[in-house]
Protein backbone atom coordinates (compact mmCIF):
# COMPACT_ATOMS: atom_id res chain seq x y z
CA MET A 1 -65.55 -89.86 -152.00
CA ALA A 2 -68.09 -92.10 -150.24
CA LEU A 3 -70.91 -90.05 -151.48
CA VAL A 4 -69.78 -90.39 -155.07
CA SER A 5 -69.37 -94.14 -154.70
CA ALA A 6 -72.94 -94.40 -153.35
CA ASP A 7 -74.26 -92.41 -156.28
CA THR A 8 -72.59 -94.72 -158.67
CA LYS A 9 -73.88 -97.83 -156.97
CA ILE A 10 -77.44 -96.35 -156.84
CA SER A 11 -77.26 -95.59 -160.53
CA GLU A 12 -76.26 -99.19 -161.15
CA LEU A 13 -79.00 -100.57 -159.11
CA LEU A 14 -81.60 -98.38 -160.83
CA THR A 15 -80.46 -99.71 -164.19
CA GLU A 16 -80.76 -103.34 -162.85
CA LEU A 17 -84.20 -102.46 -161.41
CA HIS A 18 -85.28 -101.19 -164.77
CA GLN A 19 -84.27 -104.43 -166.43
CA LEU A 20 -86.15 -106.47 -163.87
CA ILE A 21 -89.30 -104.38 -164.39
CA LYS A 22 -88.96 -105.05 -168.13
CA GLN A 23 -88.50 -108.81 -167.47
CA THR A 24 -91.59 -108.78 -165.32
CA GLN A 25 -93.74 -107.31 -168.13
CA GLU A 26 -92.31 -109.80 -170.59
CA GLU A 27 -93.05 -112.73 -168.30
CA ARG A 28 -96.56 -111.48 -167.65
CA SER A 29 -97.27 -111.06 -171.40
CA ARG A 30 -95.90 -114.52 -172.07
CA SER A 31 -98.22 -116.07 -169.44
CA GLU A 32 -101.35 -114.29 -170.63
CA HIS A 33 -101.63 -116.60 -173.67
CA ASN A 34 -101.73 -119.65 -171.41
CA LEU A 35 -104.19 -118.06 -168.99
CA LEU A 36 -106.50 -117.34 -171.98
CA ASN A 37 -106.28 -120.97 -173.00
CA ILE A 38 -107.38 -122.06 -169.52
CA GLN A 39 -110.40 -119.75 -169.79
CA LYS A 40 -111.33 -120.96 -173.29
CA THR A 41 -111.03 -124.61 -172.19
CA HIS A 42 -113.38 -124.07 -169.27
CA GLU A 43 -115.90 -122.36 -171.50
CA ARG A 44 -115.77 -125.30 -174.00
CA MET A 45 -116.30 -127.79 -171.08
CA GLN A 46 -119.34 -125.80 -169.98
CA THR A 47 -120.72 -125.67 -173.52
CA GLU A 48 -120.39 -129.46 -173.90
CA ASN A 49 -121.43 -130.09 -170.31
CA LYS A 50 -118.84 -132.78 -169.74
CA THR A 51 -115.32 -133.29 -168.41
CA SER A 52 -113.55 -135.74 -170.69
CA PRO A 53 -110.14 -137.35 -170.03
CA TYR A 54 -108.89 -135.06 -172.86
CA TYR A 55 -109.95 -131.90 -171.07
CA ARG A 56 -108.63 -133.14 -167.72
CA THR A 57 -105.21 -133.85 -169.22
CA LYS A 58 -105.16 -130.55 -171.13
CA LEU A 59 -106.13 -128.52 -168.11
CA ARG A 60 -103.59 -130.25 -165.94
CA GLY A 61 -100.84 -129.31 -168.39
CA LEU A 62 -102.10 -125.73 -168.62
CA TYR A 63 -102.33 -125.19 -164.93
CA THR A 64 -98.81 -126.69 -164.43
CA THR A 65 -97.52 -124.15 -166.95
CA ALA A 66 -99.49 -121.37 -165.23
CA LYS A 67 -97.96 -122.23 -161.88
CA ALA A 68 -94.48 -122.25 -163.29
CA ASP A 69 -95.14 -118.86 -165.02
CA ALA A 70 -96.42 -117.38 -161.81
CA GLU A 71 -93.31 -118.66 -159.85
CA ALA A 72 -91.02 -117.25 -162.46
CA GLU A 73 -92.78 -113.81 -162.30
CA CYS A 74 -92.73 -113.98 -158.41
CA SER A 75 -89.04 -114.63 -158.39
CA ILE A 76 -88.35 -111.66 -160.62
CA LEU A 77 -90.54 -109.43 -158.52
CA ARG A 78 -88.79 -110.51 -155.27
CA HIS A 79 -85.46 -109.74 -156.88
CA ALA A 80 -86.76 -106.25 -157.82
CA LEU A 81 -87.96 -105.75 -154.20
CA ASP A 82 -84.42 -106.56 -153.02
CA LYS A 83 -82.97 -103.97 -155.41
CA ILE A 84 -85.46 -101.33 -154.15
CA ALA A 85 -84.53 -102.16 -150.48
CA GLU A 86 -80.84 -101.89 -151.39
CA ILE A 87 -81.37 -98.55 -153.08
CA LYS A 88 -83.31 -97.21 -150.08
CA SER A 89 -80.54 -98.39 -147.69
CA LEU A 90 -77.92 -96.61 -149.79
CA LEU A 91 -79.95 -93.38 -149.91
CA GLU A 92 -80.28 -93.56 -146.13
CA GLU A 93 -76.50 -94.16 -145.77
CA ARG A 94 -75.76 -91.20 -148.02
CA ARG A 95 -78.15 -88.96 -146.04
CA ILE A 96 -76.46 -89.90 -142.83
CA ALA A 97 -72.98 -89.45 -144.16
CA ALA A 98 -74.01 -86.02 -145.54
CA LYS A 99 -75.52 -85.04 -142.23
CA MET A 100 -72.36 -86.02 -140.33
CA ALA A 101 -70.25 -84.18 -142.84
CA GLY A 102 -72.45 -81.08 -142.69
CA VAL A 103 -73.37 -81.44 -146.47
CA TYR A 104 -76.98 -81.17 -147.54
CA SER A 105 -78.69 -81.44 -150.91
CA ASP A 106 -81.64 -79.27 -152.04
CA SER A 107 -83.97 -82.19 -151.37
CA ASP A 108 -82.68 -82.77 -147.88
CA PRO A 109 -82.14 -79.43 -146.19
CA PRO A 110 -80.77 -79.20 -142.60
CA ARG A 111 -83.69 -79.54 -140.20
CA LYS A 112 -83.17 -76.02 -138.83
CA THR A 113 -84.52 -74.65 -142.14
CA MET A 114 -87.26 -77.22 -142.33
CA ARG A 115 -90.78 -75.84 -141.91
CA ARG A 116 -93.24 -77.88 -139.80
CA GLY A 117 -95.50 -78.47 -142.79
CA VAL A 118 -92.56 -80.00 -144.72
CA LEU A 119 -91.72 -82.16 -141.74
CA MET A 120 -95.22 -83.48 -141.53
CA THR A 121 -95.30 -84.27 -145.28
CA LEU A 122 -91.98 -86.16 -145.00
CA LEU A 123 -93.31 -88.20 -142.14
CA GLN A 124 -96.42 -89.08 -144.17
CA GLN A 125 -94.37 -90.05 -147.20
CA SER A 126 -92.05 -92.22 -144.95
CA ALA A 127 -95.23 -93.98 -143.72
CA MET A 128 -96.52 -94.59 -147.26
CA THR A 129 -93.24 -95.91 -148.52
CA LEU A 130 -92.69 -98.40 -145.68
CA PRO A 131 -92.26 -101.64 -147.58
CA LEU A 132 -94.90 -104.38 -147.24
CA TRP A 133 -93.73 -107.76 -145.93
CA ILE A 134 -94.25 -110.32 -148.54
CA GLY A 135 -93.13 -113.74 -147.26
CA LYS A 136 -93.01 -117.03 -149.16
CA PRO A 137 -95.70 -119.64 -148.37
CA GLY A 138 -95.05 -120.88 -144.84
CA ASP A 139 -92.89 -117.90 -143.82
CA SER A 140 -93.63 -116.19 -140.45
CA PRO A 141 -93.52 -112.38 -140.23
CA PRO A 142 -90.01 -111.29 -139.00
CA PRO A 143 -89.31 -109.09 -136.09
CA LEU A 144 -90.34 -105.39 -136.70
CA CYS A 145 -92.96 -106.40 -139.23
CA GLY A 146 -96.08 -104.58 -138.07
CA ALA A 147 -96.73 -105.31 -134.49
CA MET A 148 -93.95 -107.97 -134.21
CA PRO A 149 -91.48 -106.85 -131.51
CA ALA A 150 -87.68 -106.57 -132.15
CA ASN A 151 -85.37 -109.29 -130.91
CA SER A 152 -84.12 -108.70 -127.39
CA ASP A 153 -80.56 -108.04 -128.63
CA TYR A 154 -81.65 -105.78 -131.53
CA VAL A 155 -79.78 -102.48 -131.83
CA ALA A 156 -81.23 -99.75 -134.00
CA LYS A 157 -78.89 -98.28 -136.64
CA PRO A 158 -77.95 -94.62 -137.09
CA GLY A 159 -80.71 -92.93 -139.09
CA ASP A 160 -83.39 -95.34 -137.77
CA LYS A 161 -86.58 -93.77 -136.42
CA VAL A 162 -87.69 -94.71 -132.97
CA ALA A 163 -90.11 -93.79 -130.25
CA ALA A 164 -88.00 -92.27 -127.49
CA ARG A 165 -89.08 -91.57 -123.86
CA VAL A 166 -87.63 -88.20 -122.83
CA LYS A 167 -88.19 -85.54 -120.17
CA ALA A 168 -90.07 -82.57 -121.33
CA VAL A 169 -89.39 -79.01 -120.41
CA ASP A 170 -91.99 -79.13 -117.60
CA GLY A 171 -90.29 -82.25 -116.13
CA ASP A 172 -92.95 -84.69 -117.32
CA GLU A 173 -91.87 -87.57 -119.55
CA GLN A 174 -93.27 -88.08 -123.00
CA TRP A 175 -92.73 -90.38 -126.02
CA ILE A 176 -91.29 -88.52 -129.04
CA LEU A 177 -90.33 -89.46 -132.54
CA ALA A 178 -86.52 -89.42 -132.80
CA GLU A 179 -83.72 -90.45 -135.04
CA VAL A 180 -80.87 -92.66 -133.80
CA VAL A 181 -77.44 -90.90 -133.93
CA SER A 182 -75.38 -93.70 -132.31
CA TYR A 183 -75.34 -96.56 -129.85
CA SER A 184 -72.67 -97.29 -127.26
CA HIS A 185 -72.23 -101.08 -126.42
CA SER A 186 -70.18 -100.15 -123.38
CA THR A 187 -72.86 -98.12 -121.75
CA ASN A 188 -75.97 -99.73 -123.58
CA LYS A 189 -77.19 -96.22 -124.33
CA TYR A 190 -78.47 -94.47 -127.43
CA GLU A 191 -77.95 -90.93 -128.59
CA VAL A 192 -81.00 -89.77 -130.45
CA ASP A 193 -82.08 -86.51 -131.98
CA ASP A 194 -85.62 -85.21 -131.57
CA ILE A 195 -87.13 -85.14 -135.04
CA ASP A 196 -88.87 -81.86 -134.28
CA GLU A 197 -86.29 -79.89 -132.41
CA GLU A 198 -84.53 -78.30 -135.36
CA GLY A 199 -81.41 -80.42 -134.82
CA LYS A 200 -80.68 -78.78 -131.42
CA GLU A 201 -82.06 -81.28 -128.99
CA ARG A 202 -80.03 -84.54 -128.48
CA HIS A 203 -80.80 -87.12 -125.84
CA THR A 204 -78.83 -89.90 -124.21
CA LEU A 205 -81.19 -92.76 -123.36
CA SER A 206 -81.08 -96.26 -122.16
CA ARG A 207 -82.35 -99.16 -124.22
CA ARG A 208 -85.58 -99.44 -122.20
CA ARG A 209 -86.48 -95.83 -123.34
CA ILE A 210 -86.31 -96.66 -126.96
CA ILE A 211 -88.84 -98.53 -129.12
CA PRO A 212 -87.88 -99.27 -132.69
CA LEU A 213 -90.53 -98.44 -135.31
CA PRO A 214 -91.68 -101.25 -137.74
CA GLN A 215 -89.46 -101.77 -140.75
CA TRP A 216 -92.15 -103.48 -142.75
CA LYS A 217 -96.03 -103.09 -142.98
CA ALA A 218 -97.89 -106.30 -142.25
CA ASN A 219 -100.40 -107.66 -144.74
CA PRO A 220 -103.77 -108.09 -142.98
CA GLU A 221 -104.79 -110.55 -145.77
CA THR A 222 -101.84 -112.96 -145.18
CA ASP A 223 -100.26 -112.08 -141.85
CA PRO A 224 -103.14 -110.86 -139.51
CA GLU A 225 -101.09 -112.11 -136.49
CA ALA A 226 -98.55 -109.35 -137.16
CA LEU A 227 -101.06 -106.58 -136.43
CA PHE A 228 -102.34 -105.15 -133.25
CA SER A 229 -105.77 -106.40 -132.47
CA LYS A 230 -108.93 -104.44 -131.49
CA ASP A 231 -108.86 -102.88 -127.99
CA GLN A 232 -105.09 -103.49 -127.63
CA LEU A 233 -103.09 -100.75 -125.74
CA VAL A 234 -100.51 -99.08 -127.95
CA LEU A 235 -98.49 -95.95 -128.35
CA ALA A 236 -99.44 -94.07 -131.55
CA LEU A 237 -98.25 -90.91 -133.24
CA TYR A 238 -100.89 -88.20 -132.71
CA PRO A 239 -101.87 -86.79 -136.21
CA GLN A 240 -99.84 -83.75 -137.28
CA THR A 241 -97.53 -84.13 -134.20
CA THR A 242 -94.26 -85.85 -133.45
CA CYS A 243 -95.29 -87.23 -130.16
CA PHE A 244 -96.65 -90.70 -129.33
CA TYR A 245 -99.59 -91.04 -126.96
CA ARG A 246 -101.39 -94.02 -125.33
CA ALA A 247 -104.29 -95.18 -127.44
CA LEU A 248 -106.61 -98.25 -127.89
CA ILE A 249 -106.85 -100.02 -131.28
CA HIS A 250 -110.37 -99.31 -132.56
CA THR A 251 -110.00 -100.85 -136.08
CA PRO A 252 -106.98 -102.77 -137.42
CA PRO A 253 -106.14 -102.44 -141.13
CA HIS A 254 -108.21 -104.56 -143.44
CA ARG A 255 -106.03 -104.04 -146.48
CA PRO A 256 -102.23 -103.63 -146.91
CA GLN A 257 -102.57 -99.86 -147.70
CA ASP A 258 -104.91 -99.20 -144.75
CA ASP A 259 -104.06 -97.44 -141.56
CA TYR A 260 -105.17 -98.19 -138.00
CA PHE A 261 -108.04 -96.39 -136.47
CA VAL A 262 -107.21 -95.69 -132.78
CA LEU A 263 -108.82 -94.05 -129.80
CA PHE A 264 -106.36 -91.78 -127.92
CA GLU A 265 -106.72 -91.35 -124.19
CA ASP A 266 -108.30 -87.95 -123.76
CA THR A 267 -109.93 -86.75 -120.55
CA SER A 268 -111.75 -83.93 -122.39
CA TYR A 269 -114.18 -86.60 -123.67
CA ALA A 270 -116.86 -88.15 -121.40
CA ASP A 271 -115.61 -91.77 -121.92
CA GLY A 272 -111.91 -90.81 -121.66
CA TYR A 273 -111.07 -91.41 -125.39
CA SER A 274 -110.92 -89.41 -128.50
CA PRO A 275 -113.04 -90.29 -131.65
CA PRO A 276 -111.29 -92.78 -133.95
CA LEU A 277 -108.32 -91.33 -135.61
CA ASN A 278 -106.22 -92.90 -138.40
CA VAL A 279 -102.54 -93.55 -137.81
CA ALA A 280 -100.21 -95.32 -140.25
CA GLN A 281 -98.69 -98.72 -139.33
CA ARG A 282 -95.21 -97.21 -139.15
CA TYR A 283 -96.31 -95.07 -136.22
CA VAL A 284 -98.03 -97.51 -133.90
CA VAL A 285 -95.85 -99.51 -131.44
CA ALA A 286 -96.43 -101.65 -128.39
CA CYS A 287 -97.15 -99.69 -125.21
CA LYS A 288 -94.57 -100.46 -122.41
CA GLU A 289 -96.67 -98.78 -119.85
CA ASN A 290 -99.53 -101.03 -118.63
CA LYS A 291 -100.98 -98.97 -115.86
CA LYS A 292 -103.04 -95.91 -116.54
CA LYS A 293 -101.73 -92.62 -115.16
């Protein structure tokens, strides 16, 4: 019943999102005429080589209109982004509900039938679709935006992906990519599933062994303070694996769609570090271990 209700709500939200996209295009088409007038006015001013009171007054009016048009389009786009976030949240809730009920769709098979190549593709898609934080002027990046840490009282929700420190088969400890199953406020412990253990390996871990992954990408052009800086020590997901390893930031992202380039600690290289490897923002978190092993 809950699944049907979620499907209905998602369908309604998709319809609303479609309307908002149409409104965005209409708003943009309406503003293009004004922007063309601004361009032509500047061209006339250059041809006449003077700035008369008439042109100043005209340009002031045109720019005022352009500003209002941009704000109206921005408002519609933010509303659309809210709808997308709501849809993604409902899809995740539906997936978790299906998992708990033992019901799976063709697009979301149980992990025991998932090939490793499929898992790697899903992790890559998850990194690509991580939403970009777009704040209003003056807004500061929120917790879990890029390198911004979670609040001290933050509790990850069921279905959230985290870096989890677990004991390996050989007794050593390692950081793995895991999915939150539940959290007990009475014991302050999480139950998490290893993302790469075919649904068989479940761990009970204290909060200090859990690092939430970013919920938004940070925009280097507007919020560079929300990114890890060069030479900063981090934990990063090694390419084509589901384990996090210590690394140094080599190059932070320059554009919103860019990855980090990191140097993984690797004793097989003379200087102790691997060549630069790219890792998505979603899979780079602060390193809790300061001392080298």
